[in-house]
């Protein structure tokens, strides 16, 4: 793919979205750490300097993809919760159902979790203050929406729903890396089953983590 010089705002926006879509496709193939500006530029068909006219850095691109991924997940999960939570049950039982739904839902969001885990040690480096502020505001909005969803099904959580939402997203990102063992680790589990207790299932662990956060908040 090659581009002619963008001469108006519509063309610039098309090019910007192409860069984002290309980077998103790369994340379907590889982890965040392997996405480079050089490879992104090559796939888009632009010189690296031209990509940097639209985004100040690779990390700025990834920040926008994180916001996209959060928005996509938040658009899906309300229907999943509505189907998976029985309003007639006790707060504790509803909390467990919410945890089951969210654990399963988040476990499917491979790209979202990879980006969440990369926020502090990758995405927040090599970007301007303006980019970080914009992302932090978007993150706060996502946490607020998630907390509102929790309260919709477990209103007994009250203000504590916000803490549950924040910790759930942090833990989901961290666990996603831990639950994705390397080839050497997989071979070690195969060679010595006594260490396999350290191999944990992402969905089950997320469900347990969220259920624990909700129960502790309800107490």
N, C-alpha and C. Protein backbone atom coordinates (compact mmCIF):
# COMPACT_ATOMS: atom_id res chain seq x y z
N UNK A 1 0.84 -1.19 0.00
CA UNK A 1 0.00 0.00 0.00
C UNK A 1 0.88 1.25 0.00
N UNK A 2 0.56 2.19 -0.90
CA UNK A 2 1.29 3.47 -0.91
C UNK A 2 0.28 4.59 -0.89
N UNK A 3 0.68 5.73 -0.33
CA UNK A 3 -0.20 6.87 -0.20
C UNK A 3 0.36 8.07 -0.95
N UNK A 4 -0.55 8.83 -1.52
CA UNK A 4 -0.19 10.15 -2.01
C UNK A 4 -0.24 11.12 -0.83
N UNK A 5 0.32 12.28 -1.01
CA UNK A 5 0.33 13.27 0.04
C UNK A 5 -1.10 13.62 0.46
N UNK A 6 -1.35 13.57 1.78
CA UNK A 6 -2.68 13.93 2.29
C UNK A 6 -2.86 15.43 2.18
N UNK A 7 -3.90 15.85 1.44
CA UNK A 7 -4.05 17.27 1.15
C UNK A 7 -5.21 17.93 1.89
N UNK A 8 -6.03 17.16 2.57
CA UNK A 8 -7.11 17.76 3.34
C UNK A 8 -7.35 16.93 4.60
N UNK A 9 -8.22 17.43 5.46
CA UNK A 9 -8.43 16.78 6.75
C UNK A 9 -9.02 15.38 6.60
N UNK A 10 -9.88 15.20 5.61
CA UNK A 10 -10.47 13.87 5.39
C UNK A 10 -9.40 12.86 5.01
N UNK A 11 -8.50 13.24 4.13
CA UNK A 11 -7.42 12.34 3.74
C UNK A 11 -6.48 12.05 4.90
N UNK A 12 -6.22 13.06 5.71
CA UNK A 12 -5.36 12.85 6.87
C UNK A 12 -6.00 11.88 7.86
N UNK A 13 -7.32 11.99 8.03
CA UNK A 13 -8.01 11.09 8.95
C UNK A 13 -8.02 9.66 8.41
N UNK A 14 -8.19 9.52 7.11
CA UNK A 14 -8.14 8.19 6.50
C UNK A 14 -6.78 7.55 6.75
N UNK A 15 -5.73 8.34 6.56
CA UNK A 15 -4.38 7.81 6.77
C UNK A 15 -4.16 7.46 8.24
N UNK A 16 -4.67 8.29 9.10
CA UNK A 16 -4.53 8.04 10.55
C UNK A 16 -5.22 6.73 10.94
N UNK A 17 -6.42 6.53 10.42
CA UNK A 17 -7.15 5.31 10.74
C UNK A 17 -6.47 4.08 10.13
N UNK A 18 -5.86 4.26 8.96
CA UNK A 18 -5.13 3.15 8.34
C UNK A 18 -3.96 2.72 9.22
N UNK A 19 -3.26 3.71 9.79
CA UNK A 19 -2.15 3.40 10.69
C UNK A 19 -2.66 2.62 11.90
N UNK A 20 -3.77 3.07 12.48
CA UNK A 20 -4.34 2.39 13.64
C UNK A 20 -4.80 0.98 13.28
N UNK A 21 -5.47 0.84 12.15
CA UNK A 21 -5.97 -0.48 11.74
C UNK A 21 -4.81 -1.44 11.47
N UNK A 22 -3.75 -0.93 10.89
CA UNK A 22 -2.58 -1.77 10.61
C UNK A 22 -1.92 -2.22 11.91
N UNK A 23 -1.79 -1.29 12.85
CA UNK A 23 -1.21 -1.64 14.15
C UNK A 23 -2.09 -2.65 14.88
N UNK A 24 -3.41 -2.48 14.77
CA UNK A 24 -4.32 -3.43 15.41
C UNK A 24 -4.15 -4.83 14.81
N UNK A 25 -3.98 -4.90 13.50
CA UNK A 25 -3.76 -6.19 12.85
C UNK A 25 -2.46 -6.82 13.32
N UNK A 26 -1.44 -6.00 13.54
CA UNK A 26 -0.17 -6.52 14.05
C UNK A 26 -0.35 -7.12 15.44
N UNK A 27 -1.17 -6.48 16.27
CA UNK A 27 -1.39 -6.99 17.63
C UNK A 27 -2.16 -8.31 17.62
N UNK A 28 -2.86 -8.60 16.54
CA UNK A 28 -3.51 -9.91 16.41
C UNK A 28 -2.47 -11.00 16.12
N UNK A 29 -1.29 -10.58 15.66
CA UNK A 29 -0.25 -11.53 15.29
C UNK A 29 0.86 -11.64 16.32
N UNK A 30 1.06 -10.60 17.12
CA UNK A 30 2.25 -10.54 17.97
C UNK A 30 1.94 -9.75 19.24
N UNK A 31 2.74 -9.95 20.30
CA UNK A 31 2.56 -9.17 21.52
C UNK A 31 2.98 -7.72 21.34
N UNK A 32 2.56 -6.88 22.27
CA UNK A 32 2.88 -5.45 22.22
C UNK A 32 4.38 -5.23 22.06
N UNK A 33 5.18 -5.99 22.78
CA UNK A 33 6.63 -5.79 22.77
C UNK A 33 7.24 -5.95 21.39
N UNK A 34 6.59 -6.70 20.51
CA UNK A 34 7.15 -6.96 19.18
C UNK A 34 6.67 -5.98 18.11
N UNK A 35 5.75 -5.10 18.46
CA UNK A 35 5.26 -4.11 17.50
C UNK A 35 6.26 -2.97 17.42
N UNK A 36 6.90 -2.81 16.28
CA UNK A 36 7.90 -1.75 16.11
C UNK A 36 7.39 -0.70 15.13
N UNK A 37 7.92 0.49 15.27
CA UNK A 37 7.56 1.57 14.36
C UNK A 37 8.04 1.28 12.95
N UNK A 38 9.21 0.65 12.84
CA UNK A 38 9.73 0.31 11.51
C UNK A 38 8.80 -0.65 10.77
N UNK A 39 8.35 -1.69 11.48
CA UNK A 39 7.47 -2.66 10.83
C UNK A 39 6.10 -2.06 10.55
N UNK A 40 5.60 -1.25 11.46
CA UNK A 40 4.32 -0.57 11.23
C UNK A 40 4.42 0.32 9.99
N UNK A 41 5.48 1.07 9.87
CA UNK A 41 5.68 1.95 8.71
C UNK A 41 5.72 1.14 7.42
N UNK A 42 6.45 0.03 7.46
CA UNK A 42 6.56 -0.81 6.27
C UNK A 42 5.20 -1.33 5.83
N UNK A 43 4.41 -1.80 6.80
CA UNK A 43 3.10 -2.36 6.45
C UNK A 43 2.13 -1.30 5.96
N UNK A 44 2.22 -0.12 6.52
CA UNK A 44 1.33 0.97 6.10
C UNK A 44 1.74 1.50 4.73
N UNK A 45 3.04 1.43 4.42
CA UNK A 45 3.53 1.96 3.16
C UNK A 45 3.94 3.41 3.25
N UNK A 46 4.34 3.83 4.44
CA UNK A 46 4.80 5.19 4.67
C UNK A 46 6.18 5.16 5.29
N UNK A 47 6.95 6.21 5.04
CA UNK A 47 8.21 6.37 5.76
C UNK A 47 7.92 6.57 7.24
N UNK A 48 8.84 6.14 8.09
CA UNK A 48 8.63 6.30 9.53
C UNK A 48 8.37 7.76 9.89
N UNK A 49 9.07 8.66 9.24
CA UNK A 49 8.89 10.09 9.51
C UNK A 49 7.47 10.54 9.19
N UNK A 50 6.85 9.92 8.19
CA UNK A 50 5.47 10.27 7.84
C UNK A 50 4.48 9.71 8.85
N UNK A 51 4.74 8.51 9.35
CA UNK A 51 3.89 7.96 10.41
C UNK A 51 3.92 8.88 11.62
N UNK A 52 5.09 9.41 11.91
CA UNK A 52 5.26 10.29 13.08
C UNK A 52 4.59 11.64 12.89
N UNK A 53 4.11 11.95 11.70
CA UNK A 53 3.31 13.15 11.51
C UNK A 53 1.91 12.98 12.11
N UNK A 54 1.48 11.72 12.22
CA UNK A 54 0.13 11.43 12.70
C UNK A 54 0.11 10.99 14.16
N UNK A 55 1.19 10.35 14.57
CA UNK A 55 1.33 9.90 15.96
C UNK A 55 2.75 10.20 16.40
N UNK A 56 2.89 10.74 17.59
CA UNK A 56 4.22 11.19 18.01
C UNK A 56 5.18 10.05 18.29
N UNK A 57 4.66 8.83 18.46
CA UNK A 57 5.52 7.69 18.74
C UNK A 57 4.72 6.40 18.59
N UNK A 58 5.42 5.29 18.60
CA UNK A 58 4.76 3.98 18.62
C UNK A 58 3.82 3.87 19.81
N UNK A 59 4.26 4.37 20.95
CA UNK A 59 3.46 4.27 22.17
C UNK A 59 2.16 5.04 22.05
N UNK A 60 2.19 6.16 21.35
CA UNK A 60 0.96 6.94 21.15
C UNK A 60 -0.05 6.16 20.32
N UNK A 61 0.44 5.42 19.34
CA UNK A 61 -0.44 4.54 18.56
C UNK A 61 -1.07 3.48 19.46
N UNK A 62 -0.24 2.87 20.29
CA UNK A 62 -0.72 1.80 21.17
C UNK A 62 -1.72 2.32 22.20
N UNK A 63 -1.50 3.54 22.67
CA UNK A 63 -2.46 4.15 23.59
C UNK A 63 -3.85 4.21 22.95
N UNK A 64 -3.90 4.65 21.70
CA UNK A 64 -5.20 4.76 21.03
C UNK A 64 -5.83 3.39 20.82
N UNK A 65 -4.99 2.40 20.56
CA UNK A 65 -5.52 1.05 20.40
C UNK A 65 -6.06 0.51 21.72
N UNK A 66 -5.42 0.88 22.83
CA UNK A 66 -5.93 0.49 24.14
C UNK A 66 -7.31 1.10 24.36
N UNK A 67 -7.47 2.37 24.03
CA UNK A 67 -8.77 3.01 24.20
C UNK A 67 -9.83 2.35 23.32
N UNK A 68 -9.45 2.00 22.11
CA UNK A 68 -10.36 1.26 21.22
C UNK A 68 -10.78 -0.07 21.84
N UNK A 69 -9.79 -0.80 22.36
CA UNK A 69 -10.06 -2.13 22.90
C UNK A 69 -10.97 -2.05 24.12
N UNK A 70 -10.74 -1.06 24.98
CA UNK A 70 -11.60 -0.88 26.15
C UNK A 70 -13.02 -0.57 25.71
N UNK A 71 -13.16 0.35 24.75
CA UNK A 71 -14.49 0.72 24.27
C UNK A 71 -15.22 -0.47 23.66
N UNK A 72 -14.50 -1.30 22.91
CA UNK A 72 -15.11 -2.48 22.29
C UNK A 72 -15.58 -3.46 23.36
N UNK A 73 -14.75 -3.67 24.38
CA UNK A 73 -15.14 -4.58 25.46
C UNK A 73 -16.34 -4.05 26.23
N UNK A 74 -16.33 -2.76 26.52
CA UNK A 74 -17.43 -2.17 27.28
C UNK A 74 -18.74 -2.16 26.48
N UNK A 75 -18.65 -2.26 25.17
CA UNK A 75 -19.85 -2.35 24.35
C UNK A 75 -20.43 -3.77 24.38
N UNK A 76 -19.58 -4.77 24.62
CA UNK A 76 -20.02 -6.17 24.61
C UNK A 76 -20.51 -6.64 25.97
N UNK A 77 -19.84 -6.22 27.02
CA UNK A 77 -20.04 -6.86 28.32
C UNK A 77 -21.41 -6.58 28.97
N UNK A 78 -22.10 -5.47 28.71
CA UNK A 78 -23.41 -5.30 29.34
C UNK A 78 -24.39 -6.42 28.98
N UNK A 79 -24.42 -6.84 27.72
CA UNK A 79 -25.32 -7.93 27.32
C UNK A 79 -24.91 -9.25 27.97
N UNK A 80 -23.60 -9.46 28.10
CA UNK A 80 -23.12 -10.68 28.74
C UNK A 80 -23.53 -10.73 30.20
N UNK A 81 -23.44 -9.59 30.87
CA UNK A 81 -23.85 -9.53 32.28
C UNK A 81 -25.36 -9.69 32.42
N UNK A 82 -26.10 -9.07 31.54
CA UNK A 82 -27.57 -9.17 31.61
C UNK A 82 -28.02 -10.61 31.46
N UNK A 83 -27.32 -11.36 30.63
CA UNK A 83 -27.68 -12.76 30.41
C UNK A 83 -27.18 -13.67 31.53
N UNK A 84 -26.06 -13.29 32.15
CA UNK A 84 -25.43 -14.20 33.09
C UNK A 84 -25.70 -13.96 34.56
N UNK A 85 -26.44 -12.90 34.90
CA UNK A 85 -26.68 -12.56 36.31
C UNK A 85 -28.17 -12.58 36.60
N UNK A 86 -28.53 -13.29 37.64
CA UNK A 86 -29.93 -13.43 38.07
C UNK A 86 -30.22 -12.44 39.18
N UNK A 87 -31.04 -11.44 38.89
CA UNK A 87 -31.33 -10.37 39.85
C UNK A 87 -32.05 -10.87 41.09
N UNK A 88 -32.60 -12.08 41.07
CA UNK A 88 -33.35 -12.59 42.21
C UNK A 88 -32.46 -13.16 43.31
N UNK A 89 -31.18 -13.33 43.00
CA UNK A 89 -30.29 -13.96 43.96
C UNK A 89 -29.75 -12.96 44.98
N UNK A 90 -29.06 -13.47 45.98
CA UNK A 90 -28.46 -12.62 47.00
C UNK A 90 -27.30 -11.83 46.41
N UNK A 91 -26.86 -10.81 47.14
CA UNK A 91 -25.73 -10.00 46.67
C UNK A 91 -24.49 -10.87 46.45
N UNK A 92 -24.22 -11.78 47.38
CA UNK A 92 -23.05 -12.65 47.27
C UNK A 92 -23.15 -13.54 46.02
N UNK A 93 -24.32 -14.10 45.79
CA UNK A 93 -24.50 -14.97 44.63
C UNK A 93 -24.42 -14.17 43.33
N UNK A 94 -25.03 -13.00 43.31
CA UNK A 94 -24.92 -12.15 42.12
C UNK A 94 -23.48 -11.73 41.87
N UNK A 95 -22.77 -11.45 42.95
CA UNK A 95 -21.36 -11.10 42.81
C UNK A 95 -20.56 -12.22 42.18
N UNK A 96 -20.84 -13.45 42.59
CA UNK A 96 -20.14 -14.60 42.01
C UNK A 96 -20.49 -14.76 40.53
N UNK A 97 -21.75 -14.49 40.18
CA UNK A 97 -22.13 -14.59 38.77
C UNK A 97 -21.46 -13.48 37.95
N UNK A 98 -21.41 -12.28 38.49
CA UNK A 98 -20.72 -11.18 37.82
C UNK A 98 -19.26 -11.56 37.59
N UNK A 99 -18.64 -12.13 38.60
CA UNK A 99 -17.23 -12.53 38.49
C UNK A 99 -17.04 -13.58 37.40
N UNK A 100 -17.97 -14.53 37.31
CA UNK A 100 -17.87 -15.57 36.28
C UNK A 100 -17.98 -14.96 34.89
N UNK A 101 -18.93 -14.05 34.72
CA UNK A 101 -19.12 -13.41 33.41
C UNK A 101 -17.90 -12.57 33.05
N UNK A 102 -17.44 -11.75 33.98
CA UNK A 102 -16.30 -10.87 33.68
C UNK A 102 -15.01 -11.66 33.49
N UNK A 103 -14.82 -12.72 34.26
CA UNK A 103 -13.64 -13.54 34.08
C UNK A 103 -13.58 -14.14 32.70
N UNK A 104 -14.72 -14.68 32.24
CA UNK A 104 -14.76 -15.28 30.91
C UNK A 104 -14.61 -14.22 29.83
N UNK A 105 -15.27 -13.09 30.03
CA UNK A 105 -15.23 -12.02 29.03
C UNK A 105 -13.82 -11.45 28.87
N UNK A 106 -13.18 -11.13 29.99
CA UNK A 106 -11.83 -10.56 29.93
C UNK A 106 -10.81 -11.57 29.39
N UNK A 107 -10.98 -12.82 29.72
CA UNK A 107 -10.02 -13.84 29.27
C UNK A 107 -9.99 -13.94 27.74
N UNK A 108 -11.09 -13.55 27.10
CA UNK A 108 -11.14 -13.58 25.63
C UNK A 108 -10.47 -12.36 25.00
N UNK A 109 -10.23 -11.33 25.79
CA UNK A 109 -9.71 -10.06 25.25
C UNK A 109 -8.19 -10.04 25.28
N UNK A 110 -7.57 -10.87 24.47
CA UNK A 110 -6.11 -11.03 24.51
C UNK A 110 -5.39 -9.71 24.27
N UNK A 111 -5.78 -8.98 23.24
CA UNK A 111 -5.11 -7.72 22.91
C UNK A 111 -5.33 -6.68 24.00
N UNK A 112 -6.55 -6.57 24.48
CA UNK A 112 -6.85 -5.62 25.55
C UNK A 112 -5.98 -5.89 26.77
N UNK A 113 -5.87 -7.14 27.17
CA UNK A 113 -5.09 -7.46 28.37
C UNK A 113 -3.60 -7.21 28.15
N UNK A 114 -3.11 -7.49 26.96
CA UNK A 114 -1.70 -7.23 26.67
C UNK A 114 -1.42 -5.73 26.76
N UNK A 115 -2.33 -4.92 26.24
CA UNK A 115 -2.15 -3.47 26.29
C UNK A 115 -2.30 -2.95 27.71
N UNK A 116 -3.23 -3.49 28.47
CA UNK A 116 -3.38 -3.08 29.87
C UNK A 116 -2.10 -3.35 30.65
N UNK A 117 -1.51 -4.52 30.40
CA UNK A 117 -0.30 -4.88 31.12
C UNK A 117 0.88 -4.00 30.73
N UNK A 118 0.82 -3.44 29.51
CA UNK A 118 1.93 -2.63 29.01
C UNK A 118 1.81 -1.15 29.36
N UNK A 119 0.73 -0.77 30.03
CA UNK A 119 0.49 0.67 30.26
C UNK A 119 1.66 1.36 30.93
N UNK A 120 2.03 0.90 32.10
CA UNK A 120 3.00 1.66 32.89
C UNK A 120 4.44 1.43 32.45
N UNK A 121 4.77 0.23 31.99
CA UNK A 121 6.17 -0.04 31.66
C UNK A 121 6.51 0.16 30.20
N UNK A 122 5.50 0.40 29.34
CA UNK A 122 5.76 0.63 27.92
C UNK A 122 5.04 1.87 27.41
N UNK A 123 3.71 1.88 27.52
CA UNK A 123 2.92 2.91 26.86
C UNK A 123 3.17 4.31 27.42
N UNK A 124 3.45 4.40 28.70
CA UNK A 124 3.62 5.71 29.31
C UNK A 124 5.03 6.27 29.15
N UNK A 125 5.84 5.62 28.34
CA UNK A 125 7.19 6.10 28.03
C UNK A 125 7.23 6.57 26.58
N UNK A 126 8.06 7.54 26.29
CA UNK A 126 8.23 8.05 24.93
C UNK A 126 6.96 8.69 24.40
N UNK A 127 6.20 9.31 25.28
CA UNK A 127 5.01 10.06 24.89
C UNK A 127 4.98 11.38 25.66
N UNK A 128 4.28 12.35 25.10
CA UNK A 128 4.19 13.66 25.72
C UNK A 128 3.21 13.65 26.90
N UNK A 129 3.30 14.67 27.70
CA UNK A 129 2.37 14.83 28.81
C UNK A 129 0.93 14.88 28.30
N UNK A 130 0.72 15.57 27.17
CA UNK A 130 -0.63 15.68 26.62
C UNK A 130 -1.22 14.32 26.29
N UNK A 131 -0.42 13.43 25.72
CA UNK A 131 -0.90 12.09 25.38
C UNK A 131 -1.25 11.31 26.63
N UNK A 132 -0.39 11.41 27.65
CA UNK A 132 -0.66 10.68 28.90
C UNK A 132 -1.91 11.22 29.58
N UNK A 133 -2.05 12.53 29.62
CA UNK A 133 -3.25 13.13 30.25
C UNK A 133 -4.50 12.67 29.53
N UNK A 134 -4.47 12.70 28.19
CA UNK A 134 -5.64 12.29 27.42
C UNK A 134 -5.98 10.83 27.70
N UNK A 135 -4.95 9.99 27.76
CA UNK A 135 -5.21 8.59 28.04
C UNK A 135 -5.73 8.38 29.46
N UNK A 136 -5.16 9.08 30.44
CA UNK A 136 -5.62 8.93 31.82
C UNK A 136 -7.09 9.31 31.95
N UNK A 137 -7.49 10.36 31.24
CA UNK A 137 -8.90 10.75 31.27
C UNK A 137 -9.78 9.67 30.66
N UNK A 138 -9.31 9.07 29.57
CA UNK A 138 -10.05 7.99 28.94
C UNK A 138 -10.12 6.78 29.88
N UNK A 139 -9.01 6.50 30.57
CA UNK A 139 -8.99 5.37 31.51
C UNK A 139 -9.97 5.59 32.65
N UNK A 140 -10.03 6.80 33.16
CA UNK A 140 -10.97 7.11 34.24
C UNK A 140 -12.40 6.90 33.77
N UNK A 141 -12.69 7.32 32.54
CA UNK A 141 -14.04 7.12 32.00
C UNK A 141 -14.36 5.63 31.89
N UNK A 142 -13.37 4.82 31.47
CA UNK A 142 -13.59 3.38 31.36
C UNK A 142 -13.83 2.73 32.71
N UNK A 143 -13.07 3.17 33.72
CA UNK A 143 -13.26 2.64 35.07
C UNK A 143 -14.63 3.02 35.60
N UNK A 144 -15.04 4.26 35.33
CA UNK A 144 -16.36 4.72 35.78
C UNK A 144 -17.47 3.89 35.15
N UNK A 145 -17.35 3.62 33.85
CA UNK A 145 -18.36 2.81 33.16
C UNK A 145 -18.39 1.39 33.71
N UNK A 146 -17.21 0.83 33.96
CA UNK A 146 -17.14 -0.53 34.51
C UNK A 146 -17.75 -0.58 35.90
N UNK A 147 -17.46 0.43 36.72
CA UNK A 147 -18.04 0.48 38.07
C UNK A 147 -19.56 0.59 38.00
N UNK A 148 -20.06 1.37 37.07
CA UNK A 148 -21.52 1.50 36.90
C UNK A 148 -22.14 0.16 36.53
N UNK A 149 -21.45 -0.61 35.68
CA UNK A 149 -21.95 -1.93 35.31
C UNK A 149 -21.99 -2.86 36.52
N UNK A 150 -20.96 -2.80 37.34
CA UNK A 150 -20.93 -3.62 38.55
C UNK A 150 -22.09 -3.25 39.48
N UNK A 151 -22.30 -1.96 39.65
CA UNK A 151 -23.39 -1.52 40.55
C UNK A 151 -24.75 -1.86 39.98
N UNK A 152 -24.86 -1.94 38.67
CA UNK A 152 -26.15 -2.28 38.06
C UNK A 152 -26.60 -3.66 38.51
N UNK A 153 -25.65 -4.57 38.69
CA UNK A 153 -25.99 -5.95 39.05
C UNK A 153 -25.75 -6.25 40.53
N UNK A 154 -24.86 -5.49 41.15
CA UNK A 154 -24.62 -5.65 42.59
C UNK A 154 -24.60 -4.24 43.21
N UNK A 155 -25.78 -3.62 43.33
CA UNK A 155 -25.82 -2.24 43.86
C UNK A 155 -25.27 -2.14 45.27
N UNK A 156 -25.26 -3.27 45.98
CA UNK A 156 -24.75 -3.28 47.35
C UNK A 156 -23.26 -2.90 47.42
N UNK A 157 -22.57 -2.93 46.29
CA UNK A 157 -21.16 -2.56 46.28
C UNK A 157 -20.95 -1.07 46.56
N UNK A 158 -21.95 -0.26 46.21
CA UNK A 158 -21.84 1.17 46.46
C UNK A 158 -20.60 1.78 45.82
N UNK A 159 -19.95 2.68 46.55
CA UNK A 159 -18.75 3.34 46.04
C UNK A 159 -17.59 2.37 45.85
N UNK A 160 -17.67 1.23 46.53
CA UNK A 160 -16.60 0.24 46.41
C UNK A 160 -16.51 -0.37 45.03
N UNK A 161 -17.54 -0.20 44.21
CA UNK A 161 -17.51 -0.75 42.85
C UNK A 161 -16.37 -0.16 42.04
N UNK A 162 -16.03 1.09 42.33
CA UNK A 162 -14.95 1.73 41.58
C UNK A 162 -13.60 1.06 41.87
N UNK A 163 -13.37 0.74 43.13
CA UNK A 163 -12.13 0.05 43.49
C UNK A 163 -12.08 -1.34 42.87
N UNK A 164 -13.22 -2.03 42.89
CA UNK A 164 -13.29 -3.36 42.27
C UNK A 164 -12.95 -3.25 40.79
N UNK A 165 -13.53 -2.27 40.11
CA UNK A 165 -13.30 -2.10 38.67
C UNK A 165 -11.82 -1.83 38.39
N UNK A 166 -11.23 -0.94 39.15
CA UNK A 166 -9.82 -0.59 38.94
C UNK A 166 -8.91 -1.78 39.17
N UNK A 167 -9.09 -2.46 40.30
CA UNK A 167 -8.21 -3.58 40.62
C UNK A 167 -8.42 -4.74 39.66
N UNK A 168 -9.64 -4.94 39.23
CA UNK A 168 -9.93 -6.02 38.28
C UNK A 168 -9.15 -5.81 36.99
N UNK A 169 -9.15 -4.59 36.45
CA UNK A 169 -8.47 -4.32 35.19
C UNK A 169 -6.95 -4.42 35.33
N UNK A 170 -6.44 -3.94 36.47
CA UNK A 170 -5.00 -4.06 36.72
C UNK A 170 -4.59 -5.53 36.80
N UNK A 171 -5.34 -6.30 37.59
CA UNK A 171 -5.02 -7.71 37.76
C UNK A 171 -5.17 -8.49 36.45
N UNK A 172 -6.18 -8.13 35.66
CA UNK A 172 -6.39 -8.84 34.40
C UNK A 172 -5.19 -8.68 33.48
N UNK A 173 -4.65 -7.45 33.41
CA UNK A 173 -3.48 -7.23 32.59
C UNK A 173 -2.27 -8.01 33.09
N UNK A 174 -2.04 -7.97 34.39
CA UNK A 174 -0.88 -8.67 34.96
C UNK A 174 -1.01 -10.18 34.81
N UNK A 175 -2.18 -10.72 35.09
CA UNK A 175 -2.38 -12.16 35.00
C UNK A 175 -2.26 -12.68 33.58
N UNK A 176 -2.61 -11.85 32.61
CA UNK A 176 -2.57 -12.31 31.22
C UNK A 176 -1.16 -12.71 30.82
N UNK A 177 -0.16 -11.98 31.32
CA UNK A 177 1.23 -12.31 31.02
C UNK A 177 1.65 -13.56 31.77
N UNK A 178 1.30 -13.66 33.04
CA UNK A 178 1.68 -14.80 33.85
C UNK A 178 1.05 -16.09 33.32
N UNK A 179 -0.14 -15.98 32.77
CA UNK A 179 -0.85 -17.16 32.29
C UNK A 179 -0.50 -17.52 30.84
N UNK A 180 0.49 -16.85 30.30
CA UNK A 180 0.94 -17.15 28.94
C UNK A 180 2.38 -17.64 29.01
N UNK A 181 2.59 -18.88 29.45
CA UNK A 181 3.96 -19.37 29.67
C UNK A 181 4.75 -19.52 28.38
N UNK A 182 6.06 -19.38 28.51
CA UNK A 182 6.96 -19.55 27.37
C UNK A 182 7.04 -21.02 26.99
N UNK A 183 7.66 -21.28 25.85
CA UNK A 183 7.86 -22.66 25.41
C UNK A 183 8.71 -23.43 26.43
N UNK A 184 9.70 -22.75 27.01
CA UNK A 184 10.55 -23.41 28.01
C UNK A 184 9.75 -23.76 29.26
N UNK A 185 8.87 -22.84 29.67
CA UNK A 185 8.05 -23.11 30.86
C UNK A 185 7.10 -24.27 30.61
N UNK A 186 6.50 -24.30 29.42
CA UNK A 186 5.59 -25.41 29.09
C UNK A 186 6.34 -26.74 29.10
N UNK A 187 7.56 -26.72 28.58
CA UNK A 187 8.37 -27.93 28.60
C UNK A 187 8.72 -28.35 30.02
N UNK A 188 8.94 -27.35 30.89
CA UNK A 188 9.25 -27.66 32.29
C UNK A 188 8.06 -28.30 32.98
N UNK A 189 6.86 -27.81 32.70
CA UNK A 189 5.66 -28.40 33.29
C UNK A 189 5.49 -29.84 32.82
N UNK A 190 5.85 -30.07 31.56
CA UNK A 190 5.73 -31.42 31.01
C UNK A 190 6.79 -32.34 31.62
N UNK A 191 7.99 -31.78 31.81
CA UNK A 191 9.09 -32.61 32.32
C UNK A 191 8.94 -32.93 33.80
N UNK A 192 8.36 -32.01 34.56
CA UNK A 192 8.24 -32.20 36.01
C UNK A 192 6.85 -31.76 36.47
N UNK A 193 5.90 -32.69 36.50
CA UNK A 193 4.53 -32.36 36.87
C UNK A 193 4.41 -31.75 38.27
N UNK A 194 5.42 -31.91 39.12
CA UNK A 194 5.33 -31.36 40.47
C UNK A 194 5.35 -29.84 40.47
N UNK A 195 5.80 -29.22 39.39
CA UNK A 195 5.81 -27.75 39.33
C UNK A 195 4.61 -27.20 38.57
N UNK A 196 3.74 -28.08 38.08
CA UNK A 196 2.63 -27.64 37.24
C UNK A 196 1.57 -26.86 38.02
N UNK A 197 1.65 -26.89 39.35
CA UNK A 197 0.69 -26.10 40.13
C UNK A 197 0.88 -24.60 39.88
N UNK A 198 2.04 -24.22 39.37
CA UNK A 198 2.30 -22.83 39.05
C UNK A 198 1.74 -22.42 37.69
N UNK A 199 1.23 -23.39 36.95
CA UNK A 199 0.57 -23.08 35.68
C UNK A 199 -0.90 -22.80 35.97
N UNK A 200 -1.31 -21.57 35.78
CA UNK A 200 -2.67 -21.20 36.16
C UNK A 200 -3.49 -20.84 34.92
N UNK A 201 -4.78 -21.09 35.03
CA UNK A 201 -5.72 -20.82 33.94
C UNK A 201 -6.22 -19.38 34.07
N UNK A 202 -6.13 -18.64 32.98
CA UNK A 202 -6.47 -17.21 33.04
C UNK A 202 -7.94 -16.99 33.40
N UNK A 203 -8.84 -17.66 32.73
CA UNK A 203 -10.26 -17.44 32.98
C UNK A 203 -10.63 -17.78 34.42
N UNK A 204 -10.22 -18.94 34.88
CA UNK A 204 -10.56 -19.36 36.25
C UNK A 204 -9.95 -18.44 37.28
N UNK A 205 -8.71 -18.00 37.04
CA UNK A 205 -8.04 -17.13 38.01
C UNK A 205 -8.67 -15.75 38.03
N UNK A 206 -9.05 -15.25 36.86
CA UNK A 206 -9.74 -13.95 36.82
C UNK A 206 -11.08 -14.03 37.55
N UNK A 207 -11.82 -15.10 37.32
CA UNK A 207 -13.10 -15.26 38.00
C UNK A 207 -12.91 -15.27 39.51
N UNK A 208 -11.93 -16.04 39.98
CA UNK A 208 -11.67 -16.12 41.42
C UNK A 208 -11.24 -14.76 41.97
N UNK A 209 -10.40 -14.05 41.22
CA UNK A 209 -9.91 -12.75 41.67
C UNK A 209 -11.04 -11.74 41.79
N UNK A 210 -11.89 -11.68 40.76
CA UNK A 210 -13.00 -10.72 40.78
C UNK A 210 -14.00 -11.08 41.86
N UNK A 211 -14.28 -12.37 42.02
CA UNK A 211 -15.21 -12.80 43.07
C UNK A 211 -14.69 -12.41 44.45
N UNK A 212 -13.40 -12.58 44.66
CA UNK A 212 -12.80 -12.21 45.94
C UNK A 212 -12.89 -10.71 46.18
N UNK A 213 -12.61 -9.93 45.16
CA UNK A 213 -12.71 -8.46 45.29
C UNK A 213 -14.13 -8.04 45.64
N UNK A 214 -15.11 -8.67 44.98
CA UNK A 214 -16.50 -8.31 45.26
C UNK A 214 -16.92 -8.74 46.66
N UNK A 215 -16.55 -9.95 47.04
CA UNK A 215 -16.93 -10.42 48.38
C UNK A 215 -16.31 -9.56 49.46
N UNK A 216 -15.04 -9.22 49.32
CA UNK A 216 -14.37 -8.40 50.32
C UNK A 216 -15.01 -7.01 50.41
N UNK A 217 -15.45 -6.50 49.28
CA UNK A 217 -16.09 -5.17 49.27
C UNK A 217 -17.48 -5.22 49.91
N UNK A 218 -18.16 -6.35 49.72
CA UNK A 218 -19.50 -6.50 50.30
C UNK A 218 -19.44 -6.67 51.82
N UNK A 219 -18.36 -7.23 52.33
CA UNK A 219 -18.26 -7.50 53.77
C UNK A 219 -18.12 -6.22 54.58
